[in-house]
Amino acid sequence: MSNFNAPPPATAPMPPATEPQKVYFLNLPCPIPYEEIHREALMSLKPEVFEGLRFDFAKGLNQKFSLSHSVIMGPTEIPSQSSDIVKIPTANYEFGANFLDPKLMLIGRVLTDGRLSARIKCDLTENLTVKGNAQLTSEPHMSHGLINFDYKGKDYRTQVQLGNGALVGASYIQSVTPHLSLGGEVFWAGQHRKSGIGYAARYNTDKMVATGQVASTGMVALSYVQKVSEKVSLASDFMYNYMSRDVTASVGYDYILRQCRLRGKIDSNGVVASLLEERLTMGLTLLLSAEIDHWKKDYKFGFGLTLGE
């Protein structure tokens, strides 16, 4: 009987070695504008709460032009030398006109108390945009205007600002990796003889956004947003001013349901705020607003309706 040698046992093939992900510096994404690096956190931590009653009505005349009417009734805080909060009842009517075009946006508002505001955004080219806003009021030294020139590069953005009071500012933000962007800003306020410089960093993925900002004016701002799901986001921020030694920390949430959106926050100053936007039917939205300042014992509650899209 001939000898039979069994073949050696088959061994599983070794998996190929994974190479580290390469960063192609010539193919980086364009970052968001420098002034909007905290926008995800602001959506949760700065809900547009109001006090009293408001009713908003919007009517589109055609695909580009629409009119809006707003009635606002509620107390208004007035400056006081004492620690007590002084409020007086007020009521205002606001008329607005909007022109929206893919390359041009014009928005105007006028109130019965004499305030007039206007905003404009014009895309001069695919990369260059001009934005401006102005507010005129009967109160002395309260009117202001600002114009911005925004240039959008392939992997960077830059902005130049000009405003009343001899205000001049410039900012630049650059993507250094697919998730990290770094930027800086400078400004000069000639009327007040003040200048400043600031730096910022932003790191974002599909699940989180972390931002840090520091300026020579004494401001240090940190924010973090965690996207729990497509409908739920949690946010926190930390604000510190090393000139005045003021410190504020807050946490907030943003919950989007099928027909409503709920946002709220609580901060270290004892302020709790919440805003509910409930879509009742097509074109009709209910607004419920609340803000409680436990330390100052100031309570604000609001009810509103928005008709139209």
C-alpha atoms as a PDB file:
ATOM      1  CA  MET A   1       0.000   0.000   0.000  1.00  0.00           C
ATOM      2  CA  SER A   2       1.464   3.286  -1.105  1.00  0.00           C
ATOM      3  CA  ASN A   3       2.009   6.018   1.428  1.00  0.00           C
ATOM      4  CA  PHE A   4      -0.534   8.872   1.305  1.00  0.00           C
ATOM      5  CA  ASN A   5       0.470  12.255   2.600  1.00  0.00           C
ATOM      6  CA  ALA A   6      -2.451  14.472   3.564  1.00  0.00           C
ATOM      7  CA  PRO A   7      -2.243  18.004   2.221  1.00  0.00           C
ATOM      8  CA  PRO A   8      -1.517  20.700   4.798  1.00  0.00           C
ATOM      9  CA  PRO A   9      -4.609  22.336   6.268  1.00  0.00           C
ATOM     10  CA  ALA A  10      -5.801  25.397   4.386  1.00  0.00           C
ATOM     11  CA  THR A  11      -5.179  28.640   6.173  1.00  0.00           C
ATOM     12  CA  ALA A  12      -7.468  31.645   5.936  1.00  0.00           C
ATOM     13  CA  PRO A  13      -6.003  34.431   3.820  1.00  0.00           C
ATOM     14  CA  MET A  14      -4.666  37.363   5.755  1.00  0.00           C
ATOM     15  CA  PRO A  15      -6.796  40.527   5.393  1.00  0.00           C
ATOM     16  CA  PRO A  16      -5.065  43.275   3.482  1.00  0.00           C
ATOM     17  CA  ALA A  17      -3.473  45.918   5.619  1.00  0.00           C
ATOM     18  CA  THR A  18      -5.625  49.042   5.861  1.00  0.00           C
ATOM     19  CA  GLU A  19      -3.854  52.141   4.756  1.00  0.00           C
ATOM     20  CA  PRO A  20      -4.407  55.366   6.697  1.00  0.00           C
ATOM     21  CA  GLN A  21      -6.914  57.696   5.103  1.00  0.00           C
ATOM     22  CA  LYS A  22      -5.144  60.245   2.989  1.00  0.00           C
ATOM     23  CA  VAL A  23      -6.075  63.906   3.011  1.00  0.00           C
ATOM     24  CA  TYR A  24      -6.115  65.507  -0.417  1.00  0.00           C
ATOM     25  CA  PHE A  25      -5.427  69.131   0.339  1.00  0.00           C
ATOM     26  CA  LEU A  26      -6.492  70.156  -3.157  1.00  0.00           C
ATOM     27  CA  ASN A  27      -9.965  68.679  -2.665  1.00  0.00           C
ATOM     28  CA  LEU A  28     -11.153  70.101   0.680  1.00  0.00           C
ATOM     29  CA  PRO A  29     -14.741  71.267   1.302  1.00  0.00           C
ATOM     30  CA  CYS A  30     -15.650  74.936   1.520  1.00  0.00           C
ATOM     31  CA  PRO A  31     -16.248  75.949   5.168  1.00  0.00           C
ATOM     32  CA  ILE A  32     -19.223  77.885   6.446  1.00  0.00           C
ATOM     33  CA  PRO A  33     -18.850  81.666   6.944  1.00  0.00           C
ATOM     34  CA  TYR A  34     -16.799  82.768   9.947  1.00  0.00           C
ATOM     35  CA  GLU A  35     -19.753  84.585  11.512  1.00  0.00           C
ATOM     36  CA  GLU A  36     -21.859  81.376  11.410  1.00  0.00           C
ATOM     37  CA  ILE A  37     -19.479  78.920  13.067  1.00  0.00           C
ATOM     38  CA  HIS A  38     -21.851  78.540  16.068  1.00  0.00           C
ATOM     39  CA  ARG A  39     -25.072  78.288  14.042  1.00  0.00           C
ATOM     40  CA  GLU A  40     -25.991  74.710  15.039  1.00  0.00           C
ATOM     41  CA  ALA A  41     -25.619  75.536  18.724  1.00  0.00           C
ATOM     42  CA  LEU A  42     -27.579  78.790  18.384  1.00  0.00           C
ATOM     43  CA  MET A  43     -30.572  76.930  16.949  1.00  0.00           C
ATOM     44  CA  SER A  44     -31.007  75.139  20.277  1.00  0.00           C
ATOM     45  CA  LEU A  45     -29.538  77.615  22.754  1.00  0.00           C
ATOM     46  CA  LYS A  46     -31.101  80.818  21.361  1.00  0.00           C
ATOM     47  CA  PRO A  47     -34.788  80.120  20.666  1.00  0.00           C
ATOM     48  CA  GLU A  48     -36.665  83.243  19.560  1.00  0.00           C
ATOM     49  CA  VAL A  49     -38.857  83.509  22.654  1.00  0.00           C
ATOM     50  CA  PHE A  50     -41.332  86.365  23.005  1.00  0.00           C
ATOM     51  CA  GLU A  51     -43.787  87.712  25.553  1.00  0.00           C
ATOM     52  CA  GLY A  52     -47.454  88.474  25.043  1.00  0.00           C
ATOM     53  CA  LEU A  53     -49.541  87.874  21.930  1.00  0.00           C
ATOM     54  CA  ARG A  54     -48.444  87.937  18.292  1.00  0.00           C
ATOM     55  CA  PHE A  55     -50.149  87.215  14.997  1.00  0.00           C
ATOM     56  CA  ASP A  56     -48.283  86.906  11.691  1.00  0.00           C
ATOM     57  CA  PHE A  57     -49.858  86.730   8.256  1.00  0.00           C
ATOM     58  CA  ALA A  58     -47.948  86.248   5.002  1.00  0.00           C
ATOM     59  CA  LYS A  59     -49.417  86.409   1.521  1.00  0.00           C
ATOM     60  CA  GLY A  60     -47.562  85.612  -1.673  1.00  0.00           C
ATOM     61  CA  LEU A  61     -48.506  87.789  -4.629  1.00  0.00           C
ATOM     62  CA  ASN A  62     -46.424  85.783  -7.093  1.00  0.00           C
ATOM     63  CA  GLN A  63     -43.473  83.408  -7.038  1.00  0.00           C
ATOM     64  CA  LYS A  64     -41.016  86.164  -6.066  1.00  0.00           C
ATOM     65  CA  PHE A  65     -42.957  88.874  -4.223  1.00  0.00           C
ATOM     66  CA  SER A  66     -44.849  88.548  -0.945  1.00  0.00           C
ATOM     67  CA  LEU A  67     -46.271  90.772   1.792  1.00  0.00           C
ATOM     68  CA  SER A  68     -46.424  90.177   5.539  1.00  0.00           C
ATOM     69  CA  HIS A  69     -48.413  91.663   8.418  1.00  0.00           C
ATOM     70  CA  SER A  70     -47.639  91.246  12.107  1.00  0.00           C
ATOM     71  CA  VAL A  71     -49.440  92.377  15.251  1.00  0.00           C
ATOM     72  CA  ILE A  72     -47.458  92.233  18.489  1.00  0.00           C
ATOM     73  CA  MET A  73     -49.007  92.959  21.894  1.00  0.00           C
ATOM     74  CA  GLY A  74     -47.101  92.537  25.117  1.00  0.00           C
ATOM     75  CA  PRO A  75     -45.045  94.248  27.823  1.00  0.00           C
ATOM     76  CA  THR A  76     -41.707  95.886  27.074  1.00  0.00           C
ATOM     77  CA  GLU A  77     -38.874  96.252  29.554  1.00  0.00           C
ATOM     78  CA  ILE A  78     -37.579  99.765  30.156  1.00  0.00           C
ATOM     79  CA  PRO A  79     -34.211 100.664  31.703  1.00  0.00           C
ATOM     80  CA  SER A  80     -34.288 101.098  35.462  1.00  0.00           C
ATOM     81  CA  GLN A  81     -31.627 102.007  38.017  1.00  0.00           C
ATOM     82  CA  SER A  82     -33.100  99.624  40.563  1.00  0.00           C
ATOM     83  CA  SER A  83     -32.820  95.852  40.497  1.00  0.00           C
ATOM     84  CA  ASP A  84     -36.561  95.524  39.878  1.00  0.00           C
ATOM     85  CA  ILE A  85     -37.732  94.866  36.322  1.00  0.00           C
ATOM     86  CA  VAL A  86     -40.051  97.570  35.002  1.00  0.00           C
ATOM     87  CA  LYS A  87     -42.401  96.738  32.126  1.00  0.00           C
ATOM     88  CA  ILE A  88     -44.954  98.823  30.252  1.00  0.00           C
ATOM     89  CA  PRO A  89     -47.704  97.483  27.967  1.00  0.00           C
ATOM     90  CA  THR A  90     -47.089  98.088  24.270  1.00  0.00           C
ATOM     91  CA  ALA A  91     -48.688  97.165  20.949  1.00  0.00           C
ATOM     92  CA  ASN A  92     -47.163  97.433  17.472  1.00  0.00           C
ATOM     93  CA  TYR A  93     -48.086  96.662  13.911  1.00  0.00           C
ATOM     94  CA  GLU A  94     -45.409  95.630  11.424  1.00  0.00           C
ATOM     95  CA  PHE A  95     -45.710  95.676   7.642  1.00  0.00           C
ATOM     96  CA  GLY A  96     -43.201  93.817   5.514  1.00  0.00           C
ATOM     97  CA  ALA A  97     -42.389  93.272   1.868  1.00  0.00           C
ATOM     98  CA  ASN A  98     -40.190  90.491   0.510  1.00  0.00           C
ATOM     99  CA  PHE A  99     -38.642  89.931  -2.904  1.00  0.00           C
ATOM    100  CA  LEU A 100     -36.910  86.579  -3.295  1.00  0.00           C
ATOM    101  CA  ASP A 101     -34.947  85.640  -6.388  1.00  0.00           C
ATOM    102  CA  PRO A 102     -32.177  83.044  -6.805  1.00  0.00           C
ATOM    103  CA  LYS A 103     -29.616  85.861  -7.082  1.00  0.00           C
ATOM    104  CA  LEU A 104     -31.332  88.725  -5.263  1.00  0.00           C
ATOM    105  CA  MET A 105     -33.144  89.003  -1.929  1.00  0.00           C
ATOM    106  CA  LEU A 106     -34.815  92.188  -0.659  1.00  0.00           C
ATOM    107  CA  ILE A 107     -36.595  92.350   2.723  1.00  0.00           C
ATOM    108  CA  GLY A 108     -38.126  95.453   4.279  1.00  0.00           C
ATOM    109  CA  ARG A 109     -39.993  96.043   7.551  1.00  0.00           C
ATOM    110  CA  VAL A 110     -41.680  99.124   9.013  1.00  0.00           C
ATOM    111  CA  LEU A 111     -43.304  99.385  12.462  1.00  0.00           C
ATOM    112  CA  THR A 112     -45.782 101.831  13.898  1.00  0.00           C
ATOM    113  CA  ASP A 113     -43.226 102.949  16.507  1.00  0.00           C
ATOM    114  CA  GLY A 114     -41.110 104.494  13.744  1.00  0.00           C
ATOM    115  CA  ARG A 115     -38.526 101.768  13.198  1.00  0.00           C
ATOM    116  CA  LEU A 116     -37.580 100.889   9.625  1.00  0.00           C
ATOM    117  CA  SER A 117     -35.324  97.965   8.721  1.00  0.00           C
ATOM    118  CA  ALA A 118     -34.051  96.627   5.415  1.00  0.00           C
ATOM    119  CA  ARG A 119     -31.937  93.694   4.269  1.00  0.00           C
ATOM    120  CA  ILE A 120     -30.403  92.921   0.902  1.00  0.00           C
ATOM    121  CA  LYS A 121     -28.432  89.994  -0.486  1.00  0.00           C
ATOM    122  CA  CYS A 122     -27.124  90.020  -4.040  1.00  0.00           C
ATOM    123  CA  ASP A 123     -24.971  87.397  -5.767  1.00  0.00           C
ATOM    124  CA  LEU A 124     -22.726  89.402  -8.074  1.00  0.00           C
ATOM    125  CA  THR A 125     -20.951  86.269  -9.290  1.00  0.00           C
ATOM    126  CA  GLU A 126     -20.935  82.603  -8.315  1.00  0.00           C
ATOM    127  CA  ASN A 127     -18.302  83.375  -5.674  1.00  0.00           C
ATOM    128  CA  LEU A 128     -18.910  87.004  -4.669  1.00  0.00           C
ATOM    129  CA  THR A 129     -21.959  88.059  -2.620  1.00  0.00           C
ATOM    130  CA  VAL A 130     -22.923  91.442  -1.209  1.00  0.00           C
ATOM    131  CA  LYS A 131     -25.097  91.569   1.921  1.00  0.00           C
ATOM    132  CA  GLY A 132     -26.352  94.622   3.704  1.00  0.00           C
ATOM    133  CA  ASN A 133     -28.711  95.501   6.523  1.00  0.00           C
ATOM    134  CA  ALA A 134     -29.804  98.787   8.028  1.00  0.00           C
ATOM    135  CA  GLN A 135     -32.170 100.025  10.726  1.00  0.00           C
ATOM    136  CA  LEU A 136     -33.509 103.537  11.117  1.00  0.00           C
ATOM    137  CA  THR A 137     -35.196 104.716  14.294  1.00  0.00           C
ATOM    138  CA  SER A 138     -36.329 107.974  15.844  1.00  0.00           C
ATOM    139  CA  GLU A 139     -34.141 107.394  18.908  1.00  0.00           C
ATOM    140  CA  PRO A 140     -30.816 109.248  18.745  1.00  0.00           C
ATOM    141  CA  HIS A 141     -27.668 107.210  18.047  1.00  0.00           C
ATOM    142  CA  MET A 142     -29.682 103.998  17.560  1.00  0.00           C
ATOM    143  CA  SER A 143     -29.727 103.855  13.751  1.00  0.00           C
ATOM    144  CA  HIS A 144     -27.090 101.665  12.152  1.00  0.00           C
ATOM    145  CA  GLY A 145     -26.051 100.146   8.848  1.00  0.00           C
ATOM    146  CA  LEU A 146     -23.684  97.369   7.790  1.00  0.00           C
ATOM    147  CA  ILE A 147     -22.539  96.021   4.432  1.00  0.00           C
ATOM    148  CA  ASN A 148     -20.621  92.770   3.869  1.00  0.00           C
ATOM    149  CA  PHE A 149     -18.637  91.516   0.903  1.00  0.00           C
ATOM    150  CA  ASP A 150     -18.393  87.713   1.007  1.00  0.00           C
ATOM    151  CA  TYR A 151     -16.063  85.764  -1.259  1.00  0.00           C
ATOM    152  CA  LYS A 152     -16.420  81.981  -1.440  1.00  0.00           C
ATOM    153  CA  GLY A 153     -13.360  80.079  -2.602  1.00  0.00           C
ATOM    154  CA  LYS A 154     -12.935  76.385  -3.242  1.00  0.00           C
ATOM    155  CA  ASP A 155     -11.839  75.590   0.317  1.00  0.00           C
ATOM    156  CA  TYR A 156     -11.985  78.976   2.071  1.00  0.00           C
ATOM    157  CA  ARG A 157     -14.201  81.996   2.706  1.00  0.00           C
ATOM    158  CA  THR A 158     -13.321  85.604   3.335  1.00  0.00           C
ATOM    159  CA  GLN A 159     -15.437  88.595   4.315  1.00  0.00           C
ATOM    160  CA  VAL A 160     -15.007  92.354   4.548  1.00  0.00           C
ATOM    161  CA  GLN A 161     -17.402  94.474   6.647  1.00  0.00           C
ATOM    162  CA  LEU A 162     -18.084  98.202   6.534  1.00  0.00           C
ATOM    163  CA  GLY A 163     -20.452  99.911   8.956  1.00  0.00           C
ATOM    164  CA  ASN A 164     -21.426 103.222  10.410  1.00  0.00           C
ATOM    165  CA  GLY A 165     -19.288 104.615  13.203  1.00  0.00           C
ATOM    166  CA  ALA A 166     -16.177 103.992  11.067  1.00  0.00           C
ATOM    167  CA  LEU A 167     -16.485 100.235  11.599  1.00  0.00           C
ATOM    168  CA  VAL A 168     -14.153  98.123   9.461  1.00  0.00           C
ATOM    169  CA  GLY A 169     -13.742  94.362   9.814  1.00  0.00           C
ATOM    170  CA  ALA A 170     -12.363  91.388   7.949  1.00  0.00           C
ATOM    171  CA  SER A 171     -12.465  87.631   8.501  1.00  0.00           C
ATOM    172  CA  TYR A 172     -11.000  84.527   6.871  1.00  0.00           C
ATOM    173  CA  ILE A 173     -11.682  80.821   7.409  1.00  0.00           C
ATOM    174  CA  GLN A 174      -9.847  77.920   5.759  1.00  0.00           C
ATOM    175  CA  SER A 175     -10.485  74.172   5.644  1.00  0.00           C
ATOM    176  CA  VAL A 176      -7.321  72.342   6.689  1.00  0.00           C
ATOM    177  CA  THR A 177      -8.821  68.810   6.711  1.00  0.00           C
ATOM    178  CA  PRO A 178     -12.192  67.451   5.548  1.00  0.00           C
ATOM    179  CA  HIS A 179     -13.564  68.048   9.076  1.00  0.00           C
ATOM    180  CA  LEU A 180     -11.436  70.846  10.569  1.00  0.00           C
ATOM    181  CA  SER A 181     -11.439  74.518   9.624  1.00  0.00           C
ATOM    182  CA  LEU A 182      -9.469  77.390  11.150  1.00  0.00           C
ATOM    183  CA  GLY A 183     -10.073  81.117  10.870  1.00  0.00           C
ATOM    184  CA  GLY A 184      -9.439  84.575  12.220  1.00  0.00           C
ATOM    185  CA  GLU A 185     -10.891  88.069  12.234  1.00  0.00           C
ATOM    186  CA  VAL A 186      -9.840  91.678  12.844  1.00  0.00           C
ATOM    187  CA  PHE A 187     -11.933  94.810  13.337  1.00  0.00           C
ATOM    188  CA  TRP A 188     -11.562  98.530  13.981  1.00  0.00           C
ATOM    189  CA  ALA A 189     -14.303 100.766  15.412  1.00  0.00           C
ATOM    190  CA  GLY A 190     -13.102 104.259  14.663  1.00  0.00           C
ATOM    191  CA  GLN A 191     -15.867 106.050  16.525  1.00  0.00           C
ATOM    192  CA  HIS A 192     -15.034 104.318  19.800  1.00  0.00           C
ATOM    193  CA  ARG A 193     -11.313 103.977  19.101  1.00  0.00           C
ATOM    194  CA  LYS A 194     -11.374 100.233  19.698  1.00  0.00           C
ATOM    195  CA  SER A 195      -9.789  97.379  17.793  1.00  0.00           C
ATOM    196  CA  GLY A 196      -9.657  93.642  18.196  1.00  0.00           C
ATOM    197  CA  ILE A 197      -8.479  90.354  16.779  1.00  0.00           C
ATOM    198  CA  GLY A 198      -9.945  86.878  17.123  1.00  0.00           C
ATOM    199  CA  TYR A 199      -9.341  83.256  16.215  1.00  0.00           C
ATOM    200  CA  ALA A 200     -11.691  80.301  15.795  1.00  0.00           C
ATOM    201  CA  ALA A 201     -11.625  76.563  15.136  1.00  0.00           C
ATOM    202  CA  ARG A 202     -14.493  74.314  14.043  1.00  0.00           C
ATOM    203  CA  TYR A 203     -14.561  70.517  13.851  1.00  0.00           C
ATOM    204  CA  ASN A 204     -17.633  68.831  12.387  1.00  0.00           C
ATOM    205  CA  THR A 205     -18.719  65.357  11.370  1.00  0.00           C
ATOM    206  CA  ASP A 206     -22.069  63.807  10.509  1.00  0.00           C
ATOM    207  CA  LYS A 207     -22.808  63.329  14.225  1.00  0.00           C
ATOM    208  CA  MET A 208     -21.239  66.284  16.038  1.00  0.00           C
ATOM    209  CA  VAL A 209     -19.992  69.860  15.759  1.00  0.00           C
ATOM    210  CA  ALA A 210     -17.398  71.367  18.115  1.00  0.00           C
ATOM    211  CA  THR A 211     -16.401  75.030  17.954  1.00  0.00           C
ATOM    212  CA  GLY A 212     -13.974  77.228  19.861  1.00  0.00           C
ATOM    213  CA  GLN A 213     -13.496  80.979  19.554  1.00  0.00           C
ATOM    214  CA  VAL A 214     -11.313  83.517  21.376  1.00  0.00           C
ATOM    215  CA  ALA A 215     -10.917  87.274  20.893  1.00  0.00           C
ATOM    216  CA  SER A 216      -8.725  90.035  22.292  1.00  0.00           C
ATOM    217  CA  THR A 217     -11.866  91.742  23.642  1.00  0.00           C
ATOM    218  CA  GLY A 218     -11.861  89.123  26.414  1.00  0.00           C
ATOM    219  CA  MET A 219     -14.416  86.749  24.917  1.00  0.00           C
ATOM    220  CA  VAL A 220     -13.928  82.980  24.990  1.00  0.00           C
ATOM    221  CA  ALA A 221     -16.724  80.866  23.477  1.00  0.00           C
ATOM    222  CA  LEU A 222     -16.943  77.085  23.291  1.00  0.00           C
ATOM    223  CA  SER A 223     -19.878  75.117  21.885  1.00  0.00           C
ATOM    224  CA  TYR A 224     -20.670  71.473  21.198  1.00  0.00           C
ATOM    225  CA  VAL A 225     -23.622  69.912  19.353  1.00  0.00           C
ATOM    226  CA  GLN A 226     -24.374  66.189  19.332  1.00  0.00           C
ATOM    227  CA  LYS A 227     -26.769  64.931  16.676  1.00  0.00           C
ATOM    228  CA  VAL A 228     -28.504  62.051  18.423  1.00  0.00           C
ATOM    229  CA  SER A 229     -30.605  61.329  15.332  1.00  0.00           C
ATOM    230  CA  GLU A 230     -31.949  63.136  12.297  1.00  0.00           C
ATOM    231  CA  LYS A 231     -34.629  64.728  14.496  1.00  0.00           C
ATOM    232  CA  VAL A 232     -32.904  65.207  17.847  1.00  0.00           C
ATOM    233  CA  SER A 233     -29.897  67.398  18.669  1.00  0.00           C
ATOM    234  CA  LEU A 234     -28.343  68.263  22.021  1.00  0.00           C
ATOM    235  CA  ALA A 235     -26.177  71.353  22.466  1.00  0.00           C
ATOM    236  CA  SER A 236     -24.048  73.016  25.124  1.00  0.00           C
ATOM    237  CA  ASP A 237     -21.898  76.121  25.281  1.00  0.00           C
ATOM    238  CA  PHE A 238     -19.517  77.934  27.607  1.00  0.00           C
ATOM    239  CA  MET A 239     -19.018  81.705  27.527  1.00  0.00           C
ATOM    240  CA  TYR A 240     -16.261  83.448  29.473  1.00  0.00           C
ATOM    241  CA  ASN A 241     -15.078  87.047  29.480  1.00  0.00           C
ATOM    242  CA  TYR A 242     -11.712  87.411  31.175  1.00  0.00           C
ATOM    243  CA  MET A 243     -12.101  91.208  31.275  1.00  0.00           C
ATOM    244  CA  SER A 244     -15.323  91.284  33.320  1.00  0.00           C
ATOM    245  CA  ARG A 245     -14.926  87.736  34.764  1.00  0.00           C
ATOM    246  CA  ASP A 246     -18.446  86.807  33.609  1.00  0.00           C
ATOM    247  CA  VAL A 247     -19.063  83.102  33.071  1.00  0.00           C
ATOM    248  CA  THR A 248     -22.148  81.479  31.554  1.00  0.00           C
ATOM    249  CA  ALA A 249     -22.785  77.851  30.640  1.00  0.00           C
ATOM    250  CA  SER A 250     -25.928  76.458  29.065  1.00  0.00           C
ATOM    251  CA  VAL A 251     -27.374  73.255  27.646  1.00  0.00           C
ATOM    252  CA  GLY A 252     -30.205  72.951  25.149  1.00  0.00           C
ATOM    253  CA  TYR A 253     -32.138  70.659  22.838  1.00  0.00           C
ATOM    254  CA  ASP A 254     -33.769  70.730  19.428  1.00  0.00           C
ATOM    255  CA  TYR A 255     -36.479  68.129  18.801  1.00  0.00           C
ATOM    256  CA  ILE A 256     -38.211  67.949  15.404  1.00  0.00           C
ATOM    257  CA  LEU A 257     -41.392  65.869  15.245  1.00  0.00           C
ATOM    258  CA  ARG A 258     -43.678  65.181  12.308  1.00  0.00           C
ATOM    259  CA  GLN A 259     -45.749  68.351  12.761  1.00  0.00           C
ATOM    260  CA  CYS A 260     -43.936  70.344  15.444  1.00  0.00           C
ATOM    261  CA  ARG A 261     -40.560  71.546  16.585  1.00  0.00           C
ATOM    262  CA  LEU A 262     -39.539  71.959  20.237  1.00  0.00           C
ATOM    263  CA  ARG A 263     -36.468  73.902  21.325  1.00  0.00           C
ATOM    264  CA  GLY A 264     -35.290  74.890  24.761  1.00  0.00           C
ATOM    265  CA  LYS A 265     -32.339  75.639  27.010  1.00  0.00           C
ATOM    266  CA  ILE A 266     -31.277  76.165  30.621  1.00  0.00           C
ATOM    267  CA  ASP A 267     -28.224  78.164  31.682  1.00  0.00           C
ATOM    268  CA  SER A 268     -26.127  78.779  34.771  1.00  0.00           C
ATOM    269  CA  ASN A 269     -27.864  82.126  35.402  1.00  0.00           C
ATOM    270  CA  GLY A 270     -31.090  80.332  36.283  1.00  0.00           C
ATOM    271  CA  VAL A 271     -32.845  81.065  32.986  1.00  0.00           C
ATOM    272  CA  VAL A 272     -35.056  78.366  31.458  1.00  0.00           C
ATOM    273  CA  ALA A 273     -36.548  78.944  28.008  1.00  0.00           C
ATOM    274  CA  SER A 274     -38.638  76.879  25.609  1.00  0.00           C
ATOM    275  CA  LEU A 275     -40.326  77.454  22.243  1.00  0.00           C
ATOM    276  CA  LEU A 276     -42.913  75.176  20.614  1.00  0.00           C
ATOM    277  CA  GLU A 277     -43.874  75.490  16.943  1.00  0.00           C
ATOM    278  CA  GLU A 278     -46.876  73.294  16.158  1.00  0.00           C
ATOM    279  CA  ARG A 279     -48.177  73.006  12.609  1.00  0.00           C
ATOM    280  CA  LEU A 280     -51.938  72.643  13.018  1.00  0.00           C
ATOM    281  CA  THR A 281     -52.911  72.542   9.354  1.00  0.00           C
ATOM    282  CA  MET A 282     -51.430  73.556   6.044  1.00  0.00           C
ATOM    283  CA  GLY A 283     -50.425  77.212   6.416  1.00  0.00           C
ATOM    284  CA  LEU A 284     -51.377  77.541  10.109  1.00  0.00           C
ATOM    285  CA  THR A 285     -48.749  77.316  12.874  1.00  0.00           C
ATOM    286  CA  LEU A 286     -49.205  77.661  16.642  1.00  0.00           C
ATOM    287  CA  LEU A 287     -46.420  79.237  18.732  1.00  0.00           C
ATOM    288  CA  LEU A 288     -46.012  78.764  22.482  1.00  0.00           C
ATOM    289  CA  SER A 289     -43.137  80.556  24.200  1.00  0.00           C
ATOM    290  CA  ALA A 290     -41.922  80.592  27.790  1.00  0.00           C
ATOM    291  CA  GLU A 291     -38.904  81.982  29.612  1.00  0.00           C
ATOM    292  CA  ILE A 292     -38.334  81.993  33.371  1.00  0.00           C
ATOM    293  CA  ASP A 293     -35.499  83.815  35.102  1.00  0.00           C
ATOM    294  CA  HIS A 294     -35.434  82.368  38.606  1.00  0.00           C
ATOM    295  CA  TRP A 295     -32.829  84.762  39.995  1.00  0.00           C
ATOM    296  CA  LYS A 296     -34.483  87.959  38.736  1.00  0.00           C
ATOM    297  CA  LYS A 297     -37.990  86.508  39.219  1.00  0.00           C
ATOM    298  CA  ASP A 298     -38.905  87.495  35.668  1.00  0.00           C
ATOM    299  CA  TYR A 299     -41.487  85.378  33.862  1.00  0.00           C
ATOM    300  CA  LYS A 300     -42.315  85.652  30.155  1.00  0.00           C
ATOM    301  CA  PHE A 301     -45.046  83.734  28.379  1.00  0.00           C
ATOM    302  CA  GLY A 302     -46.172  84.146  24.804  1.00  0.00           C
ATOM    303  CA  PHE A 303     -48.849  82.838  22.472  1.00  0.00           C
ATOM    304  CA  GLY A 304     -48.802  83.284  18.697  1.00  0.00           C
ATOM    305  CA  LEU A 305     -50.331  82.214  15.424  1.00  0.00           C
ATOM    306  CA  THR A 306     -48.721  82.273  11.993  1.00  0.00           C
ATOM    307  CA  LEU A 307     -50.974  82.154   8.925  1.00  0.00           C
ATOM    308  CA  GLY A 308     -49.478  81.592   5.499  1.00  0.00           C
ATOM    309  CA  GLU A 309     -46.244  80.077   4.264  1.00  0.00           C
END
